[in-house]
C-alpha atoms as a PDB file:
ATOM      1  CA  MET A   1      -0.476  21.349   3.463  1.00  0.00           C
ATOM      2  CA  SER A   2       0.592  19.476   0.344  1.00  0.00           C
ATOM      3  CA  CYS A   3      -0.229  21.107  -2.961  1.00  0.00           C
ATOM      4  CA  ASN A   4      -2.036  17.867  -3.850  1.00  0.00           C
ATOM      5  CA  THR A   5      -4.658  18.408  -1.139  1.00  0.00           C
ATOM      6  CA  ALA A   6      -6.044  21.282  -3.194  1.00  0.00           C
ATOM      7  CA  VAL A   7      -7.003  18.922  -6.008  1.00  0.00           C
ATOM      8  CA  SER A   8      -8.682  15.542  -6.170  1.00  0.00           C
ATOM      9  CA  ARG A   9      -6.700  12.728  -4.562  1.00  0.00           C
ATOM     10  CA  ARG A  10      -6.298  10.422  -7.528  1.00  0.00           C
ATOM     11  CA  LEU A  11      -5.485   7.227  -5.596  1.00  0.00           C
ATOM     12  CA  GLU A  12      -7.828   7.590  -2.648  1.00  0.00           C
ATOM     13  CA  GLY A  13      -8.224   4.218  -0.907  1.00  0.00           C
ATOM     14  CA  LYS A  14      -5.899   2.360  -3.307  1.00  0.00           C
ATOM     15  CA  VAL A  15      -3.221  -0.037  -2.070  1.00  0.00           C
ATOM     16  CA  ALA A  16       0.162   0.232  -3.757  1.00  0.00           C
ATOM     17  CA  ILE A  17       3.463  -1.619  -3.518  1.00  0.00           C
ATOM     18  CA  VAL A  18       6.598   0.182  -4.699  1.00  0.00           C
ATOM     19  CA  THR A  19       9.718  -1.938  -5.083  1.00  0.00           C
ATOM     20  CA  GLY A  20      12.955  -0.001  -4.915  1.00  0.00           C
ATOM     21  CA  GLY A  21      10.867   2.492  -2.975  1.00  0.00           C
ATOM     22  CA  ALA A  22      13.451   3.732  -0.489  1.00  0.00           C
ATOM     23  CA  SER A  23      15.259   6.163  -2.789  1.00  0.00           C
ATOM     24  CA  GLY A  24      15.262   7.860  -6.181  1.00  0.00           C
ATOM     25  CA  ILE A  25      12.247   7.431  -8.446  1.00  0.00           C
ATOM     26  CA  GLY A  26      10.732   4.931  -6.035  1.00  0.00           C
ATOM     27  CA  ALA A  27      10.830   7.269  -3.039  1.00  0.00           C
ATOM     28  CA  SER A  28       9.430  10.166  -5.082  1.00  0.00           C
ATOM     29  CA  THR A  29       6.587   7.911  -6.209  1.00  0.00           C
ATOM     30  CA  VAL A  30       5.897   6.740  -2.664  1.00  0.00           C
ATOM     31  CA  ARG A  31       5.549  10.351  -1.506  1.00  0.00           C
ATOM     32  CA  LEU A  32       3.288  11.263  -4.422  1.00  0.00           C
ATOM     33  CA  PHE A  33       1.102   8.167  -4.021  1.00  0.00           C
ATOM     34  CA  HIS A  34       0.762   9.019  -0.322  1.00  0.00           C
ATOM     35  CA  ASP A  35      -0.225  12.605  -1.160  1.00  0.00           C
ATOM     36  CA  HIS A  36      -2.944  11.212  -3.394  1.00  0.00           C
ATOM     37  CA  GLY A  37      -4.492   8.993  -0.739  1.00  0.00           C
ATOM     38  CA  ALA A  38      -2.900   5.605  -1.388  1.00  0.00           C
ATOM     39  CA  LYS A  39      -1.835   3.129   1.262  1.00  0.00           C
ATOM     40  CA  VAL A  40       1.733   2.323   0.267  1.00  0.00           C
ATOM     41  CA  VAL A  41       4.066  -0.535   1.078  1.00  0.00           C
ATOM     42  CA  ILE A  42       7.692   0.415   0.456  1.00  0.00           C
ATOM     43  CA  ALA A  43       9.822  -2.576  -0.560  1.00  0.00           C
ATOM     44  CA  ASP A  44      13.599  -2.333  -0.682  1.00  0.00           C
ATOM     45  CA  ILE A  45      16.812  -3.706   0.772  1.00  0.00           C
ATOM     46  CA  GLN A  46      17.900  -0.250   1.985  1.00  0.00           C
ATOM     47  CA  ASP A  47      16.340  -0.721   5.404  1.00  0.00           C
ATOM     48  CA  ASP A  48      17.399   2.552   7.048  1.00  0.00           C
ATOM     49  CA  LEU A  49      16.250   4.685   4.120  1.00  0.00           C
ATOM     50  CA  GLY A  50      13.008   2.763   3.678  1.00  0.00           C
ATOM     51  CA  GLN A  51      12.020   2.828   7.347  1.00  0.00           C
ATOM     52  CA  THR A  52      12.949   6.501   7.690  1.00  0.00           C
ATOM     53  CA  LEU A  53      10.744   7.372   4.714  1.00  0.00           C
ATOM     54  CA  ALA A  54       7.843   5.345   6.119  1.00  0.00           C
ATOM     55  CA  ASP A  55       8.198   6.956   9.554  1.00  0.00           C
ATOM     56  CA  ARG A  56       8.358  10.424   8.025  1.00  0.00           C
ATOM     57  CA  LEU A  57       5.207   9.954   5.962  1.00  0.00           C
ATOM     58  CA  GLY A  58       3.362   8.265   8.803  1.00  0.00           C
ATOM     59  CA  ARG A  59      -0.136   6.857   8.480  1.00  0.00           C
ATOM     60  CA  ASN A  60      -0.858   4.242   5.807  1.00  0.00           C
ATOM     61  CA  ILE A  61       2.826   3.875   4.878  1.00  0.00           C
ATOM     62  CA  SER A  62       4.910   0.847   5.833  1.00  0.00           C
ATOM     63  CA  TYR A  63       8.303  -0.567   4.962  1.00  0.00           C
ATOM     64  CA  THR A  64       9.169  -4.196   4.185  1.00  0.00           C
ATOM     65  CA  HIS A  65      12.621  -5.573   3.493  1.00  0.00           C
ATOM     66  CA  CYS A  66      12.443  -7.378   0.161  1.00  0.00           C
ATOM     67  CA  ASP A  67      15.116  -8.748  -2.153  1.00  0.00           C
ATOM     68  CA  VAL A  68      13.203  -8.916  -5.435  1.00  0.00           C
ATOM     69  CA  THR A  69      15.395 -11.779  -6.687  1.00  0.00           C
ATOM     70  CA  ASP A  70      14.033 -14.014  -3.894  1.00  0.00           C
ATOM     71  CA  GLU A  71      10.581 -15.317  -4.793  1.00  0.00           C
ATOM     72  CA  ASP A  72       9.747 -16.216  -1.202  1.00  0.00           C
ATOM     73  CA  GLN A  73      10.375 -12.617  -0.155  1.00  0.00           C
ATOM     74  CA  VAL A  74       8.301 -11.231  -3.025  1.00  0.00           C
ATOM     75  CA  ARG A  75       5.472 -13.624  -2.220  1.00  0.00           C
ATOM     76  CA  ALA A  76       5.603 -12.624   1.444  1.00  0.00           C
ATOM     77  CA  LEU A  77       5.630  -8.923   0.483  1.00  0.00           C
ATOM     78  CA  VAL A  78       2.410  -9.240  -1.502  1.00  0.00           C
ATOM     79  CA  ASP A  79       0.755 -11.475   1.101  1.00  0.00           C
ATOM     80  CA  ALA A  80       1.615  -8.979   3.849  1.00  0.00           C
ATOM     81  CA  ALA A  81       0.060  -6.139   1.851  1.00  0.00           C
ATOM     82  CA  VAL A  82      -3.107  -8.160   1.373  1.00  0.00           C
ATOM     83  CA  ALA A  83      -3.234  -9.084   5.053  1.00  0.00           C
ATOM     84  CA  LYS A  84      -2.719  -5.470   6.141  1.00  0.00           C
ATOM     85  CA  HIS A  85      -4.827  -3.628   3.579  1.00  0.00           C
ATOM     86  CA  GLY A  86      -7.141  -6.223   2.022  1.00  0.00           C
ATOM     87  CA  GLY A  87      -5.637  -6.312  -1.472  1.00  0.00           C
ATOM     88  CA  VAL A  88      -3.201  -4.781  -3.932  1.00  0.00           C
ATOM     89  CA  ASP A  89      -4.397  -2.315  -6.570  1.00  0.00           C
ATOM     90  CA  ILE A  90      -1.040  -1.059  -7.867  1.00  0.00           C
ATOM     91  CA  MET A  91       2.314  -2.767  -8.253  1.00  0.00           C
ATOM     92  CA  PHE A  92       5.093  -0.380  -9.247  1.00  0.00           C
ATOM     93  CA  SER A  93       8.045  -2.640 -10.066  1.00  0.00           C
ATOM     94  CA  ASN A  94      10.863  -0.132  -9.873  1.00  0.00           C
ATOM     95  CA  ALA A  95      13.772  -1.942  -8.209  1.00  0.00           C
ATOM     96  CA  GLY A  96      16.849  -2.028 -10.400  1.00  0.00           C
ATOM     97  CA  ILE A  97      20.545  -1.414 -10.798  1.00  0.00           C
ATOM     98  CA  VAL A  98      22.527   0.171 -13.624  1.00  0.00           C
ATOM     99  CA  GLU A  99      25.772  -0.131 -15.508  1.00  0.00           C
ATOM    100  CA  GLY A 100      27.525   2.389 -17.693  1.00  0.00           C
ATOM    101  CA  PRO A 101      28.159   2.062 -21.440  1.00  0.00           C
ATOM    102  CA  ASN A 102      30.726  -0.655 -22.071  1.00  0.00           C
ATOM    103  CA  SER A 103      32.086  -3.078 -24.635  1.00  0.00           C
ATOM    104  CA  ILE A 104      30.503  -6.509 -24.941  1.00  0.00           C
ATOM    105  CA  PHE A 105      34.015  -7.900 -24.341  1.00  0.00           C
ATOM    106  CA  ASP A 106      34.132  -6.284 -20.916  1.00  0.00           C
ATOM    107  CA  VAL A 107      30.857  -7.728 -19.609  1.00  0.00           C
ATOM    108  CA  ASP A 108      31.440 -10.072 -16.675  1.00  0.00           C
ATOM    109  CA  LYS A 109      29.065 -13.059 -16.603  1.00  0.00           C
ATOM    110  CA  ASP A 110      28.493 -12.856 -12.849  1.00  0.00           C
ATOM    111  CA  GLU A 111      27.634  -9.164 -13.084  1.00  0.00           C
ATOM    112  CA  LEU A 112      25.383  -9.868 -16.070  1.00  0.00           C
ATOM    113  CA  GLU A 113      23.460 -12.470 -14.091  1.00  0.00           C
ATOM    114  CA  ARG A 114      23.225 -10.189 -11.048  1.00  0.00           C
ATOM    115  CA  LEU A 115      21.853  -7.319 -13.133  1.00  0.00           C
ATOM    116  CA  MET A 116      19.373  -9.571 -14.925  1.00  0.00           C
ATOM    117  CA  GLY A 117      18.312 -11.079 -11.629  1.00  0.00           C
ATOM    118  CA  ILE A 118      17.456  -7.739 -10.068  1.00  0.00           C
ATOM    119  CA  ASN A 119      16.133  -5.873 -13.091  1.00  0.00           C
ATOM    120  CA  LEU A 120      14.298  -8.545 -15.072  1.00  0.00           C
ATOM    121  CA  VAL A 121      13.717 -11.528 -12.794  1.00  0.00           C
ATOM    122  CA  GLY A 122      12.755  -9.156  -9.991  1.00  0.00           C
ATOM    123  CA  ALA A 123      10.223  -7.445 -12.256  1.00  0.00           C
ATOM    124  CA  PHE A 124       8.860 -10.821 -13.359  1.00  0.00           C
ATOM    125  CA  LEU A 125       8.361 -11.993  -9.766  1.00  0.00           C
ATOM    126  CA  ALA A 126       6.747  -8.711  -8.713  1.00  0.00           C
ATOM    127  CA  ALA A 127       4.292  -8.988 -11.604  1.00  0.00           C
ATOM    128  CA  LYS A 128       3.616 -12.680 -10.977  1.00  0.00           C
ATOM    129  CA  HIS A 129       2.652 -12.220  -7.346  1.00  0.00           C
ATOM    130  CA  ALA A 130       0.759  -8.988  -7.915  1.00  0.00           C
ATOM    131  CA  ALA A 131      -1.253 -10.718 -10.635  1.00  0.00           C
ATOM    132  CA  ARG A 132      -1.921 -13.612  -8.264  1.00  0.00           C
ATOM    133  CA  VAL A 133      -4.013 -11.348  -6.047  1.00  0.00           C
ATOM    134  CA  MET A 134      -5.298  -8.964  -8.726  1.00  0.00           C
ATOM    135  CA  VAL A 135      -6.830 -11.604 -11.002  1.00  0.00           C
ATOM    136  CA  PRO A 136      -9.462 -12.753  -8.466  1.00  0.00           C
ATOM    137  CA  ALA A 137     -10.345  -9.098  -7.847  1.00  0.00           C
ATOM    138  CA  LYS A 138     -10.635  -8.445 -11.604  1.00  0.00           C
ATOM    139  CA  LYS A 139      -8.800  -5.124 -11.307  1.00  0.00           C
ATOM    140  CA  GLY A 140      -5.399  -3.589 -10.787  1.00  0.00           C
ATOM    141  CA  CYS A 141      -2.416  -2.200 -12.624  1.00  0.00           C
ATOM    142  CA  ILE A 142       1.227  -3.193 -12.892  1.00  0.00           C
ATOM    143  CA  ILE A 143       3.785  -0.559 -13.819  1.00  0.00           C
ATOM    144  CA  PHE A 144       7.443  -1.194 -14.572  1.00  0.00           C
ATOM    145  CA  THR A 145      10.419   1.142 -14.727  1.00  0.00           C
ATOM    146  CA  ALA A 146      12.100   0.513 -18.068  1.00  0.00           C
ATOM    147  CA  SER A 147      14.382   3.041 -19.787  1.00  0.00           C
ATOM    148  CA  ALA A 148      14.741   5.323 -22.780  1.00  0.00           C
ATOM    149  CA  CYS A 149      17.395   2.851 -23.955  1.00  0.00           C
ATOM    150  CA  THR A 150      14.500   0.650 -25.126  1.00  0.00           C
ATOM    151  CA  GLU A 151      13.805   3.212 -27.842  1.00  0.00           C
ATOM    152  CA  ILE A 152      17.283   4.320 -28.888  1.00  0.00           C
ATOM    153  CA  ALA A 153      20.593   2.475 -28.922  1.00  0.00           C
ATOM    154  CA  GLY A 154      23.947   3.419 -27.515  1.00  0.00           C
ATOM    155  CA  ILE A 155      22.987   5.250 -24.321  1.00  0.00           C
ATOM    156  CA  ALA A 156      23.440   2.388 -21.834  1.00  0.00           C
ATOM    157  CA  GLY A 157      25.427  -0.790 -21.256  1.00  0.00           C
ATOM    158  CA  HIS A 158      24.529  -4.021 -23.026  1.00  0.00           C
ATOM    159  CA  SER A 159      23.369  -5.904 -19.929  1.00  0.00           C
ATOM    160  CA  TYR A 160      21.224  -3.031 -18.724  1.00  0.00           C
ATOM    161  CA  THR A 161      19.727  -2.530 -22.178  1.00  0.00           C
ATOM    162  CA  ALA A 162      18.908  -6.229 -22.504  1.00  0.00           C
ATOM    163  CA  SER A 163      17.240  -6.235 -19.089  1.00  0.00           C
ATOM    164  CA  LYS A 164      15.084  -3.223 -19.907  1.00  0.00           C
ATOM    165  CA  TYR A 165      14.056  -4.607 -23.306  1.00  0.00           C
ATOM    166  CA  GLY A 166      13.061  -7.747 -21.432  1.00  0.00           C
ATOM    167  CA  ILE A 167      10.875  -5.694 -19.117  1.00  0.00           C
ATOM    168  CA  VAL A 168       9.108  -4.019 -22.049  1.00  0.00           C
ATOM    169  CA  GLY A 169       8.504  -7.419 -23.642  1.00  0.00           C
ATOM    170  CA  LEU A 170       7.176  -8.785 -20.360  1.00  0.00           C
ATOM    171  CA  MET A 171       4.862  -5.800 -19.975  1.00  0.00           C
ATOM    172  CA  LYS A 172       3.378  -6.244 -23.445  1.00  0.00           C
ATOM    173  CA  SER A 173       2.883  -9.951 -22.910  1.00  0.00           C
ATOM    174  CA  LEU A 174       1.184  -9.320 -19.567  1.00  0.00           C
ATOM    175  CA  ALA A 175      -1.076  -6.671 -21.083  1.00  0.00           C
ATOM    176  CA  VAL A 176      -2.503  -9.411 -23.293  1.00  0.00           C
ATOM    177  CA  GLU A 177      -3.051 -12.092 -20.658  1.00  0.00           C
ATOM    178  CA  LEU A 178      -4.077  -9.851 -17.778  1.00  0.00           C
ATOM    179  CA  GLY A 179      -6.256  -7.586 -19.888  1.00  0.00           C
ATOM    180  CA  SER A 180      -8.881 -10.334 -19.932  1.00  0.00           C
ATOM    181  CA  HIS A 181      -9.041  -9.957 -16.139  1.00  0.00           C
ATOM    182  CA  GLY A 182      -9.367  -6.165 -16.172  1.00  0.00           C
ATOM    183  CA  ILE A 183      -5.719  -5.587 -15.219  1.00  0.00           C
ATOM    184  CA  ARG A 184      -3.505  -3.044 -16.974  1.00  0.00           C
ATOM    185  CA  ALA A 185       0.261  -3.288 -17.551  1.00  0.00           C
ATOM    186  CA  ASN A 186       2.505  -0.417 -18.640  1.00  0.00           C
ATOM    187  CA  CYS A 187       6.097   0.841 -18.521  1.00  0.00           C
ATOM    188  CA  VAL A 188       7.548   4.223 -17.739  1.00  0.00           C
ATOM    189  CA  SER A 189      10.855   4.815 -19.539  1.00  0.00           C
ATOM    190  CA  PRO A 190      12.900   7.776 -18.303  1.00  0.00           C
ATOM    191  CA  PHE A 191      15.846   9.502 -19.901  1.00  0.00           C
ATOM    192  CA  GLY A 192      18.821  10.275 -17.622  1.00  0.00           C
ATOM    193  CA  VAL A 193      17.592  11.188 -14.159  1.00  0.00           C
ATOM    194  CA  LEU A 194      19.471  11.990 -10.961  1.00  0.00           C
ATOM    195  CA  THR A 195      18.957   9.121  -8.500  1.00  0.00           C
ATOM    196  CA  GLY A 196      21.135   7.097  -6.156  1.00  0.00           C
ATOM    197  CA  ILE A 197      23.382   6.139  -9.100  1.00  0.00           C
ATOM    198  CA  VAL A 198      25.117   9.516  -8.765  1.00  0.00           C
ATOM    199  CA  PRO A 199      27.156  10.289  -5.613  1.00  0.00           C
ATOM    200  CA  ASP A 200      25.205  12.511  -3.238  1.00  0.00           C
ATOM    201  CA  ASP A 201      27.360  15.615  -3.329  1.00  0.00           C
ATOM    202  CA  GLU A 202      26.877  19.004  -4.936  1.00  0.00           C
ATOM    203  CA  ALA A 203      29.783  18.686  -7.394  1.00  0.00           C
ATOM    204  CA  SER A 204      28.473  15.392  -8.786  1.00  0.00           C
ATOM    205  CA  LYS A 205      24.953  16.783  -9.076  1.00  0.00           C
ATOM    206  CA  LEU A 206      26.169  19.850 -10.948  1.00  0.00           C
ATOM    207  CA  MET A 207      28.254  17.694 -13.286  1.00  0.00           C
ATOM    208  CA  PHE A 208      25.310  15.391 -13.994  1.00  0.00           C
ATOM    209  CA  GLU A 209      22.948  18.299 -14.596  1.00  0.00           C
ATOM    210  CA  GLY A 210      25.476  19.919 -16.909  1.00  0.00           C
ATOM    211  CA  ILE A 211      25.753  16.777 -19.011  1.00  0.00           C
ATOM    212  CA  MET A 212      21.983  16.276 -19.171  1.00  0.00           C
ATOM    213  CA  SER A 213      21.445  19.913 -20.104  1.00  0.00           C
ATOM    214  CA  LYS A 214      23.931  19.597 -22.949  1.00  0.00           C
ATOM    215  CA  VAL A 215      22.716  16.290 -24.417  1.00  0.00           C
ATOM    216  CA  GLY A 216      18.999  16.574 -23.683  1.00  0.00           C
ATOM    217  CA  ASN A 217      16.572  17.583 -26.413  1.00  0.00           C
ATOM    218  CA  LEU A 218      14.217  19.654 -24.263  1.00  0.00           C
ATOM    219  CA  LYS A 219      16.203  22.692 -23.197  1.00  0.00           C
ATOM    220  CA  GLY A 220      15.633  24.651 -20.015  1.00  0.00           C
ATOM    221  CA  LYS A 221      14.600  21.567 -18.070  1.00  0.00           C
ATOM    222  CA  ILE A 222      16.438  18.710 -16.337  1.00  0.00           C
ATOM    223  CA  LEU A 223      14.481  15.498 -15.781  1.00  0.00           C
ATOM    224  CA  THR A 224      13.910  14.762 -12.085  1.00  0.00           C
ATOM    225  CA  ALA A 225      12.704  11.756 -10.131  1.00  0.00           C
ATOM    226  CA  GLU A 226       9.582  13.772  -9.314  1.00  0.00           C
ATOM    227  CA  ASP A 227       8.836  14.177 -13.037  1.00  0.00           C
ATOM    228  CA  VAL A 228       8.948  10.411 -13.467  1.00  0.00           C
ATOM    229  CA  ALA A 229       6.780   9.905 -10.364  1.00  0.00           C
ATOM    230  CA  VAL A 230       4.067  12.144 -11.817  1.00  0.00           C
ATOM    231  CA  THR A 231       4.023   9.943 -14.921  1.00  0.00           C
ATOM    232  CA  VAL A 232       3.720   6.826 -12.771  1.00  0.00           C
ATOM    233  CA  LEU A 233       0.855   8.478 -10.887  1.00  0.00           C
ATOM    234  CA  TYR A 234      -0.957   9.035 -14.174  1.00  0.00           C
ATOM    235  CA  LEU A 235      -0.518   5.398 -15.205  1.00  0.00           C
ATOM    236  CA  ALA A 236      -1.736   4.230 -11.782  1.00  0.00           C
ATOM    237  CA  SER A 237      -4.790   6.501 -11.736  1.00  0.00           C
ATOM    238  CA  GLU A 238      -8.235   6.188 -13.235  1.00  0.00           C
ATOM    239  CA  GLU A 239      -7.221   8.824 -15.763  1.00  0.00           C
ATOM    240  CA  ALA A 240      -5.320   6.018 -17.489  1.00  0.00           C
ATOM    241  CA  SER A 241      -8.121   3.470 -17.047  1.00  0.00           C
ATOM    242  CA  TYR A 242      -7.953   2.386 -20.716  1.00  0.00           C
ATOM    243  CA  VAL A 243      -4.182   2.680 -21.106  1.00  0.00           C
ATOM    244  CA  SER A 244      -2.418  -0.677 -21.257  1.00  0.00           C
ATOM    245  CA  GLY A 245       0.506  -2.165 -23.144  1.00  0.00           C
ATOM    246  CA  VAL A 246       2.261   1.221 -23.377  1.00  0.00           C
ATOM    247  CA  ASN A 247       5.948   2.028 -22.953  1.00  0.00           C
ATOM    248  CA  LEU A 248       5.613   5.687 -21.974  1.00  0.00           C
ATOM    249  CA  LEU A 249       8.786   7.650 -22.679  1.00  0.00           C
ATOM    250  CA  VAL A 250       9.714  10.489 -20.318  1.00  0.00           C
ATOM    251  CA  ASP A 251      12.640  11.836 -22.289  1.00  0.00           C
ATOM    252  CA  GLY A 252      11.814  15.321 -23.546  1.00  0.00           C
ATOM    253  CA  GLY A 253      11.709  14.006 -27.116  1.00  0.00           C
ATOM    254  CA  TYR A 254      15.281  12.691 -27.031  1.00  0.00           C
ATOM    255  CA  THR A 255      14.505   9.346 -28.641  1.00  0.00           C
ATOM    256  CA  VAL A 256      12.643  10.816 -31.618  1.00  0.00           C
ATOM    257  CA  VAL A 257      15.481  13.118 -32.637  1.00  0.00           C
ATOM    258  CA  ASN A 258      18.711  12.374 -34.478  1.00  0.00           C
ATOM    259  CA  PRO A 259      20.583  15.692 -34.390  1.00  0.00           C
ATOM    260  CA  THR A 260      23.571  14.502 -36.445  1.00  0.00           C
ATOM    261  CA  PHE A 261      22.514  16.098 -39.733  1.00  0.00           C
ATOM    262  CA  ILE A 262      21.564  19.476 -38.296  1.00  0.00           C
ATOM    263  CA  ASN A 263      24.699  19.515 -36.124  1.00  0.00           C
ATOM    264  CA  VAL A 264      26.901  18.941 -39.168  1.00  0.00           C
ATOM    265  CA  ILE A 265      25.111  21.663 -41.158  1.00  0.00           C
ATOM    266  CA  THR A 266      25.265  24.087 -38.233  1.00  0.00           C
ATOM    267  CA  ALA A 267      28.961  23.359 -37.640  1.00  0.00           C
ATOM    268  CA  GLY A 268      29.673  23.960 -41.328  1.00  0.00           C
ATOM    269  CA  GLN A 269      28.013  27.375 -41.158  1.00  0.00           C
ATOM    270  CA  SER A 270      29.931  28.523 -38.094  1.00  0.00           C
END
């Protein structure tokens, strides 16, 4: 029995689409949404992972291949969810790719356009077609995965940072237009979290966790995909029924702290 069966199922009867739902934050969110009673459509291009997850979870979970840069595929994804379940209550636009910190001089135009296409254009299309079916229903919520880099500079590459700032701007703009139709729009912005961007081996995991433990502000805890999923669940639930236009940081306080001064003082005393 899931631990969530002991408490109220916060998404009972809701229909959710999760893009990038086959792995990482997306897969953790799919599992949590399912535990809380939602009917979930997993959208991804990782067909084996997505179908395996859907088969494992079973009832009320399905997988659809969807390249979020292709509007026809996004449109078909939303239409299929409506046909199968009667509507869409939650769109979690999570599909995205990353790049490491780099110099502006090293950014390749083709890679820039690919990253923008997946991260920003994909988010735009997911929101557009979710809104298309939510507006007549006068309800729903759209949640985007942004990043802590939208609150503090220098922790991600330029292209990635630009794409995530674009998502936050899109979210705020949507919160204005769609609010008049009873639809909420929000972002979740994680700090460094272990997902498919890190090779799936124990040495890489330990290295990543060591780095995050050292640089993170909140000691004794490493951010996980499950932590982010819980935040998404909150934003999708009725507990956040009057929360809209928010970029919710899940970063252990990292972006509100500049440790330079105290580090210099501490180093001088040692």
